Amino acid sequence: MHWSAADDFTDLPEWHALAGVSARLKQASVELTLPADKEWLRYVLNEIADQMMTTIRWAADTSPSPGEGSEAPHPDAYIVPADAARSDVVVALYCLDFLRSEGLIEERAGVELNASLSELQASLEGLIARLRQGEASSQPFANN
């Protein structure tokens, strides 16, 4: 089963959500008040946020596009970038859990980020499942 347009993949709401979460992680890292021996956590949080943006750019750059007169790429071609994004979210959740357990992030900010990251993880897992099933031949990347 083939998707009707490669461009649809790079404009998914999941990519927009990933960019938004990346920006929120960057802001959270600025707002952290860390003792000197824990300053490395700010660096880690920034690296995770940067990796999310790198994944978005990579997905856009590596998404196959059909040549003139050829069929659209098979959904399998999109699984790796979507799973890379999911992995970025999992790493961010792990880091956030650590910050929260150590009391190093304001509780409200931690709860809000956790909710956003968890929702995005579920959304990406759903996307990956749809891609694996080759779903939506008539409605590419529809969020059912």
N, C-alpha and C. Protein backbone atom coordinates (compact mmCIF):
# COMPACT_ATOMS: atom_id res chain seq x y z
N MET A 1 0.84 -1.17 0.00
CA MET A 1 0.00 0.00 0.00
C MET A 1 0.90 1.24 0.00
N HIS A 2 0.57 2.24 -0.79
CA HIS A 2 1.41 3.42 -0.93
C HIS A 2 0.70 4.68 -0.46
N TRP A 3 1.48 5.60 0.08
CA TRP A 3 0.94 6.90 0.49
C TRP A 3 0.84 7.78 -0.74
N SER A 4 -0.07 8.72 -0.72
CA SER A 4 -0.29 9.53 -1.92
C SER A 4 0.71 10.66 -2.08
N ALA A 5 1.34 11.12 -0.97
CA ALA A 5 2.28 12.23 -1.10
C ALA A 5 3.31 12.20 0.02
N ALA A 6 4.58 12.27 -0.35
CA ALA A 6 5.66 12.28 0.64
C ALA A 6 5.61 13.54 1.50
N ASP A 7 5.17 14.63 0.93
CA ASP A 7 5.12 15.89 1.67
C ASP A 7 4.21 15.80 2.88
N ASP A 8 3.19 14.97 2.83
CA ASP A 8 2.28 14.82 3.97
C ASP A 8 3.04 14.40 5.23
N PHE A 9 4.05 13.59 5.08
CA PHE A 9 4.78 13.07 6.23
C PHE A 9 5.49 14.17 7.01
N THR A 10 6.09 15.10 6.32
CA THR A 10 6.86 16.15 7.01
C THR A 10 5.98 17.24 7.60
N ASP A 11 4.70 17.21 7.31
CA ASP A 11 3.80 18.22 7.86
C ASP A 11 2.82 17.63 8.88
N LEU A 12 3.17 16.49 9.43
CA LEU A 12 2.31 15.85 10.43
C LEU A 12 2.26 16.66 11.72
N PRO A 13 1.16 16.60 12.44
CA PRO A 13 1.08 17.31 13.73
C PRO A 13 2.14 16.82 14.73
N GLU A 14 2.56 15.57 14.60
CA GLU A 14 3.59 15.05 15.50
C GLU A 14 4.89 15.82 15.38
N TRP A 15 5.26 16.23 14.15
CA TRP A 15 6.50 17.00 13.97
C TRP A 15 6.37 18.39 14.59
N HIS A 16 5.20 18.98 14.44
CA HIS A 16 4.97 20.30 15.05
C HIS A 16 4.99 20.19 16.58
N ALA A 17 4.41 19.12 17.09
CA ALA A 17 4.41 18.89 18.55
C ALA A 17 5.84 18.66 19.04
N LEU A 18 6.65 17.92 18.28
CA LEU A 18 8.03 17.67 18.67
C LEU A 18 8.82 18.97 18.72
N ALA A 19 8.61 19.85 17.75
CA ALA A 19 9.29 21.15 17.75
C ALA A 19 8.85 21.98 18.96
N GLY A 20 7.57 21.94 19.27
CA GLY A 20 7.07 22.67 20.43
C GLY A 20 7.64 22.16 21.73
N VAL A 21 7.71 20.85 21.88
CA VAL A 21 8.27 20.25 23.09
C VAL A 21 9.76 20.58 23.18
N SER A 22 10.45 20.57 22.06
CA SER A 22 11.86 20.92 22.05
C SER A 22 12.06 22.33 22.60
N ALA A 23 11.24 23.27 22.14
CA ALA A 23 11.34 24.65 22.62
C ALA A 23 11.03 24.74 24.11
N ARG A 24 10.06 23.96 24.56
CA ARG A 24 9.72 23.97 25.99
C ARG A 24 10.85 23.37 26.84
N LEU A 25 11.52 22.36 26.32
CA LEU A 25 12.67 21.80 27.05
C LEU A 25 13.80 22.82 27.15
N LYS A 26 14.03 23.54 26.06
CA LYS A 26 15.06 24.60 26.07
C LYS A 26 14.73 25.64 27.14
N GLN A 27 13.46 26.06 27.17
CA GLN A 27 13.04 27.06 28.14
C GLN A 27 13.17 26.51 29.56
N ALA A 28 12.80 25.26 29.75
CA ALA A 28 12.91 24.65 31.08
C ALA A 28 14.37 24.60 31.54
N SER A 29 15.27 24.34 30.61
CA SER A 29 16.69 24.27 30.99
C SER A 29 17.20 25.63 31.45
N VAL A 30 16.70 26.69 30.82
CA VAL A 30 17.09 28.06 31.21
C VAL A 30 16.57 28.36 32.62
N GLU A 31 15.38 27.87 32.92
CA GLU A 31 14.73 28.18 34.19
C GLU A 31 15.23 27.33 35.37
N LEU A 32 16.01 26.30 35.09
CA LEU A 32 16.51 25.45 36.18
C LEU A 32 17.47 26.22 37.08
N THR A 33 17.33 26.00 38.37
CA THR A 33 18.30 26.51 39.33
C THR A 33 19.05 25.29 39.86
N LEU A 34 20.25 25.12 39.37
CA LEU A 34 21.01 23.90 39.67
C LEU A 34 22.25 24.22 40.48
N PRO A 35 22.59 23.34 41.43
CA PRO A 35 23.88 23.49 42.09
C PRO A 35 25.00 23.19 41.07
N ALA A 36 26.17 23.68 41.33
CA ALA A 36 27.29 23.55 40.40
C ALA A 36 27.55 22.10 39.99
N ASP A 37 27.41 21.17 40.93
CA ASP A 37 27.71 19.77 40.62
C ASP A 37 26.60 19.09 39.79
N LYS A 38 25.51 19.78 39.57
CA LYS A 38 24.41 19.23 38.76
C LYS A 38 24.19 20.05 37.48
N GLU A 39 25.08 20.97 37.20
CA GLU A 39 24.94 21.83 36.02
C GLU A 39 24.94 21.01 34.72
N TRP A 40 25.55 19.85 34.75
CA TRP A 40 25.58 18.99 33.58
C TRP A 40 24.17 18.63 33.10
N LEU A 41 23.20 18.65 34.02
CA LEU A 41 21.82 18.32 33.64
C LEU A 41 21.24 19.35 32.68
N ARG A 42 21.62 20.61 32.83
CA ARG A 42 21.17 21.65 31.89
C ARG A 42 21.69 21.32 30.49
N TYR A 43 22.95 20.92 30.42
CA TYR A 43 23.55 20.54 29.15
C TYR A 43 22.80 19.36 28.52
N VAL A 44 22.49 18.35 29.34
CA VAL A 44 21.78 17.17 28.84
C VAL A 44 20.40 17.55 28.31
N LEU A 45 19.68 18.37 29.04
CA LEU A 45 18.34 18.79 28.61
C LEU A 45 18.42 19.56 27.29
N ASN A 46 19.41 20.43 27.15
CA ASN A 46 19.59 21.16 25.90
C ASN A 46 19.95 20.23 24.75
N GLU A 47 20.78 19.25 25.02
CA GLU A 47 21.16 18.29 23.98
C GLU A 47 19.95 17.49 23.51
N ILE A 48 19.09 17.10 24.43
CA ILE A 48 17.89 16.36 24.04
C ILE A 48 17.00 17.24 23.15
N ALA A 49 16.83 18.50 23.55
CA ALA A 49 16.02 19.43 22.75
C ALA A 49 16.63 19.62 21.36
N ASP A 50 17.95 19.77 21.29
CA ASP A 50 18.63 19.91 20.00
C ASP A 50 18.46 18.65 19.15
N GLN A 51 18.54 17.48 19.79
CA GLN A 51 18.38 16.23 19.06
C GLN A 51 16.99 16.12 18.44
N MET A 52 15.99 16.60 19.15
CA MET A 52 14.63 16.59 18.60
C MET A 52 14.56 17.40 17.31
N MET A 53 15.18 18.57 17.31
CA MET A 53 15.17 19.40 16.11
C MET A 53 15.99 18.75 14.99
N THR A 54 17.07 18.09 15.35
CA THR A 54 17.87 17.38 14.36
C THR A 54 17.06 16.25 13.74
N THR A 55 16.27 15.57 14.55
CA THR A 55 15.43 14.49 14.03
C THR A 55 14.40 15.04 13.05
N ILE A 56 13.83 16.18 13.36
CA ILE A 56 12.85 16.80 12.45
C ILE A 56 13.51 17.12 11.11
N ARG A 57 14.69 17.73 11.17
CA ARG A 57 15.41 18.06 9.92
C ARG A 57 15.79 16.79 9.16
N TRP A 58 16.25 15.78 9.88
CA TRP A 58 16.63 14.52 9.25
C TRP A 58 15.42 13.88 8.57
N ALA A 59 14.28 13.88 9.25
CA ALA A 59 13.08 13.30 8.66
C ALA A 59 12.70 14.02 7.37
N ALA A 60 12.81 15.34 7.40
CA ALA A 60 12.47 16.13 6.20
C ALA A 60 13.47 15.85 5.07
N ASP A 61 14.74 15.74 5.42
CA ASP A 61 15.79 15.52 4.42
C ASP A 61 15.79 14.11 3.85
N THR A 62 15.39 13.14 4.64
CA THR A 62 15.48 11.75 4.19
C THR A 62 14.16 11.16 3.74
N SER A 63 13.08 11.92 3.90
CA SER A 63 11.79 11.41 3.44
C SER A 63 11.84 11.25 1.93
N PRO A 64 11.64 10.04 1.46
CA PRO A 64 11.70 9.83 0.02
C PRO A 64 10.56 10.55 -0.67
N SER A 65 10.86 11.07 -1.82
CA SER A 65 9.79 11.68 -2.62
C SER A 65 9.78 11.00 -3.97
N PRO A 66 8.61 10.79 -4.49
CA PRO A 66 8.54 10.08 -5.77
C PRO A 66 9.06 10.96 -6.91
N GLY A 67 9.66 10.32 -7.86
CA GLY A 67 10.07 11.04 -9.06
C GLY A 67 8.86 11.24 -9.95
N GLU A 68 9.02 12.01 -10.99
CA GLU A 68 7.90 12.25 -11.90
C GLU A 68 7.41 10.92 -12.47
N GLY A 69 6.11 10.74 -12.38
CA GLY A 69 5.51 9.55 -12.96
C GLY A 69 5.67 8.29 -12.14
N SER A 70 6.31 8.37 -10.99
CA SER A 70 6.47 7.16 -10.18
C SER A 70 5.48 7.18 -9.02
N GLU A 71 5.34 6.02 -8.41
CA GLU A 71 4.43 5.92 -7.28
C GLU A 71 5.05 6.54 -6.03
N ALA A 72 4.21 6.90 -5.09
CA ALA A 72 4.68 7.43 -3.81
C ALA A 72 5.41 6.33 -3.05
N PRO A 73 6.32 6.70 -2.15
CA PRO A 73 7.07 5.72 -1.38
C PRO A 73 6.14 4.87 -0.50
N HIS A 74 6.58 3.69 -0.20
CA HIS A 74 5.86 2.79 0.69
C HIS A 74 5.95 3.34 2.12
N PRO A 75 4.93 3.14 2.95
CA PRO A 75 4.94 3.66 4.33
C PRO A 75 6.15 3.22 5.16
N ASP A 76 6.71 2.07 4.83
CA ASP A 76 7.88 1.58 5.58
C ASP A 76 9.02 2.59 5.57
N ALA A 77 9.12 3.39 4.53
CA ALA A 77 10.20 4.37 4.41
C ALA A 77 10.13 5.43 5.50
N TYR A 78 8.97 5.59 6.13
CA TYR A 78 8.78 6.63 7.14
C TYR A 78 8.92 6.13 8.57
N ILE A 79 9.01 4.84 8.75
CA ILE A 79 9.03 4.28 10.11
C ILE A 79 10.28 4.71 10.88
N VAL A 80 11.44 4.67 10.27
CA VAL A 80 12.68 4.99 10.99
C VAL A 80 12.68 6.43 11.52
N PRO A 81 12.35 7.44 10.72
CA PRO A 81 12.33 8.79 11.29
C PRO A 81 11.29 8.95 12.40
N ALA A 82 10.14 8.33 12.24
CA ALA A 82 9.11 8.42 13.29
C ALA A 82 9.58 7.74 14.57
N ASP A 83 10.25 6.62 14.43
CA ASP A 83 10.75 5.92 15.62
C ASP A 83 11.91 6.68 16.26
N ALA A 84 12.72 7.36 15.47
CA ALA A 84 13.79 8.19 16.03
C ALA A 84 13.19 9.31 16.86
N ALA A 85 12.12 9.90 16.39
CA ALA A 85 11.44 10.96 17.15
C ALA A 85 10.90 10.40 18.46
N ARG A 86 10.30 9.22 18.39
CA ARG A 86 9.79 8.58 19.60
C ARG A 86 10.91 8.32 20.59
N SER A 87 12.04 7.89 20.10
CA SER A 87 13.20 7.64 20.97
C SER A 87 13.69 8.93 21.64
N ASP A 88 13.68 10.02 20.90
CA ASP A 88 14.05 11.32 21.48
C ASP A 88 13.12 11.67 22.64
N VAL A 89 11.84 11.41 22.46
CA VAL A 89 10.86 11.71 23.50
C VAL A 89 11.10 10.82 24.73
N VAL A 90 11.42 9.56 24.51
CA VAL A 90 11.68 8.65 25.63
C VAL A 90 12.89 9.13 26.44
N VAL A 91 13.94 9.56 25.76
CA VAL A 91 15.12 10.08 26.46
C VAL A 91 14.76 11.34 27.26
N ALA A 92 13.95 12.21 26.67
CA ALA A 92 13.52 13.42 27.38
C ALA A 92 12.71 13.06 28.62
N LEU A 93 11.83 12.08 28.50
CA LEU A 93 11.04 11.64 29.66
C LEU A 93 11.94 11.09 30.76
N TYR A 94 12.94 10.33 30.37
CA TYR A 94 13.87 9.77 31.35
C TYR A 94 14.60 10.89 32.10
N CYS A 95 15.10 11.87 31.36
CA CYS A 95 15.81 13.00 31.96
C CYS A 95 14.87 13.79 32.87
N LEU A 96 13.67 14.04 32.40
CA LEU A 96 12.69 14.78 33.19
C LEU A 96 12.34 14.03 34.47
N ASP A 97 12.17 12.72 34.37
CA ASP A 97 11.89 11.91 35.57
C ASP A 97 13.01 12.07 36.60
N PHE A 98 14.24 12.09 36.12
CA PHE A 98 15.38 12.26 37.02
C PHE A 98 15.34 13.63 37.68
N LEU A 99 15.13 14.68 36.88
CA LEU A 99 15.06 16.04 37.43
C LEU A 99 13.95 16.14 38.48
N ARG A 100 12.82 15.54 38.19
CA ARG A 100 11.70 15.59 39.13
C ARG A 100 12.01 14.80 40.40
N SER A 101 12.60 13.63 40.27
CA SER A 101 12.89 12.81 41.45
C SER A 101 13.91 13.47 42.37
N GLU A 102 14.79 14.28 41.77
CA GLU A 102 15.80 14.99 42.55
C GLU A 102 15.32 16.36 43.04
N GLY A 103 14.11 16.73 42.66
CA GLY A 103 13.56 18.03 43.05
C GLY A 103 14.28 19.19 42.39
N LEU A 104 14.78 18.98 41.17
CA LEU A 104 15.58 19.99 40.49
C LEU A 104 14.80 20.80 39.46
N ILE A 105 13.53 20.49 39.29
CA ILE A 105 12.68 21.24 38.38
C ILE A 105 11.41 21.60 39.15
N GLU A 106 10.91 22.78 38.90
CA GLU A 106 9.68 23.22 39.55
C GLU A 106 8.59 22.19 39.24
N GLU A 107 7.86 21.78 40.25
CA GLU A 107 6.91 20.67 40.10
C GLU A 107 5.88 20.91 39.00
N ARG A 108 5.31 22.09 38.95
CA ARG A 108 4.29 22.37 37.94
C ARG A 108 4.88 22.24 36.53
N ALA A 109 6.06 22.80 36.32
CA ALA A 109 6.71 22.71 35.02
C ALA A 109 7.01 21.26 34.67
N GLY A 110 7.46 20.49 35.67
CA GLY A 110 7.75 19.08 35.44
C GLY A 110 6.53 18.28 35.06
N VAL A 111 5.42 18.56 35.74
CA VAL A 111 4.17 17.85 35.45
C VAL A 111 3.68 18.20 34.04
N GLU A 112 3.73 19.48 33.68
CA GLU A 112 3.28 19.91 32.35
C GLU A 112 4.14 19.31 31.24
N LEU A 113 5.46 19.35 31.43
CA LEU A 113 6.35 18.75 30.43
C LEU A 113 6.13 17.25 30.32
N ASN A 114 5.95 16.60 31.45
CA ASN A 114 5.72 15.16 31.45
C ASN A 114 4.45 14.84 30.67
N ALA A 115 3.40 15.61 30.89
CA ALA A 115 2.15 15.35 30.17
C ALA A 115 2.33 15.55 28.66
N SER A 116 3.00 16.62 28.27
CA SER A 116 3.23 16.88 26.85
C SER A 116 4.07 15.78 26.21
N LEU A 117 5.13 15.39 26.89
CA LEU A 117 6.01 14.34 26.36
C LEU A 117 5.28 13.00 26.28
N SER A 118 4.50 12.66 27.29
CA SER A 118 3.77 11.39 27.30
C SER A 118 2.73 11.35 26.18
N GLU A 119 2.03 12.47 25.99
CA GLU A 119 1.04 12.55 24.91
C GLU A 119 1.72 12.41 23.55
N LEU A 120 2.86 13.07 23.39
CA LEU A 120 3.59 12.99 22.12
C LEU A 120 4.11 11.57 21.89
N GLN A 121 4.60 10.93 22.93
CA GLN A 121 5.07 9.55 22.79
C GLN A 121 3.94 8.65 22.30
N ALA A 122 2.77 8.78 22.90
CA ALA A 122 1.62 7.97 22.49
C ALA A 122 1.23 8.26 21.04
N SER A 123 1.26 9.53 20.67
CA SER A 123 0.92 9.92 19.31
C SER A 123 1.91 9.33 18.30
N LEU A 124 3.20 9.40 18.63
CA LEU A 124 4.22 8.83 17.74
C LEU A 124 4.09 7.31 17.66
N GLU A 125 3.79 6.67 18.77
CA GLU A 125 3.59 5.21 18.75
C GLU A 125 2.41 4.84 17.87
N GLY A 126 1.34 5.65 17.92
CA GLY A 126 0.20 5.43 17.05
C GLY A 126 0.56 5.60 15.58
N LEU A 127 1.34 6.63 15.28
CA LEU A 127 1.79 6.86 13.91
C LEU A 127 2.62 5.68 13.42
N ILE A 128 3.53 5.22 14.24
CA ILE A 128 4.38 4.09 13.85
C ILE A 128 3.53 2.85 13.60
N ALA A 129 2.56 2.62 14.45
CA ALA A 129 1.67 1.46 14.27
C ALA A 129 0.91 1.57 12.95
N ARG A 130 0.40 2.78 12.64
CA ARG A 130 -0.31 2.97 11.37
C ARG A 130 0.62 2.75 10.17
N LEU A 131 1.84 3.21 10.30
CA LEU A 131 2.80 3.01 9.21
C LEU A 131 3.09 1.53 9.03
N ARG A 132 3.24 0.82 10.13
CA ARG A 132 3.53 -0.62 10.04
C ARG A 132 2.37 -1.39 9.44
N GLN A 133 1.17 -0.92 9.66
CA GLN A 133 -0.01 -1.58 9.12
C GLN A 133 -0.28 -1.17 7.68
N GLY A 134 0.43 -0.15 7.20
CA GLY A 134 0.21 0.34 5.84
C GLY A 134 -1.18 0.94 5.69
N GLU A 135 -1.67 1.53 6.77
CA GLU A 135 -3.02 2.08 6.83
C GLU A 135 -3.17 3.33 5.98
N ALA A 136 -4.40 3.68 5.71
CA ALA A 136 -4.78 4.97 5.14
C ALA A 136 -4.41 5.15 3.67
N SER A 137 -4.68 4.17 2.87
CA SER A 137 -4.35 4.32 1.46
C SER A 137 -5.15 5.45 0.82
N SER A 138 -6.33 5.71 1.33
CA SER A 138 -7.12 6.78 0.73
C SER A 138 -6.96 8.10 1.47
N GLN A 139 -6.50 8.06 2.71
CA GLN A 139 -6.29 9.29 3.49
C GLN A 139 -4.91 9.24 4.13
N PRO A 140 -3.88 9.70 3.45
CA PRO A 140 -2.52 9.62 3.97
C PRO A 140 -2.40 10.31 5.31
N PHE A 141 -1.81 9.60 6.25
CA PHE A 141 -1.45 10.13 7.56
C PHE A 141 -2.63 10.74 8.29
N ALA A 142 -3.84 10.25 8.03
CA ALA A 142 -5.00 10.76 8.76
C ALA A 142 -4.87 10.36 10.22
N ASN A 143 -5.14 11.28 11.11
CA ASN A 143 -5.12 10.98 12.53
C ASN A 143 -6.49 10.44 12.91
N ASN A 144 -6.63 9.13 12.84
CA ASN A 144 -7.92 8.49 13.10
C ASN A 144 -8.19 8.36 14.55
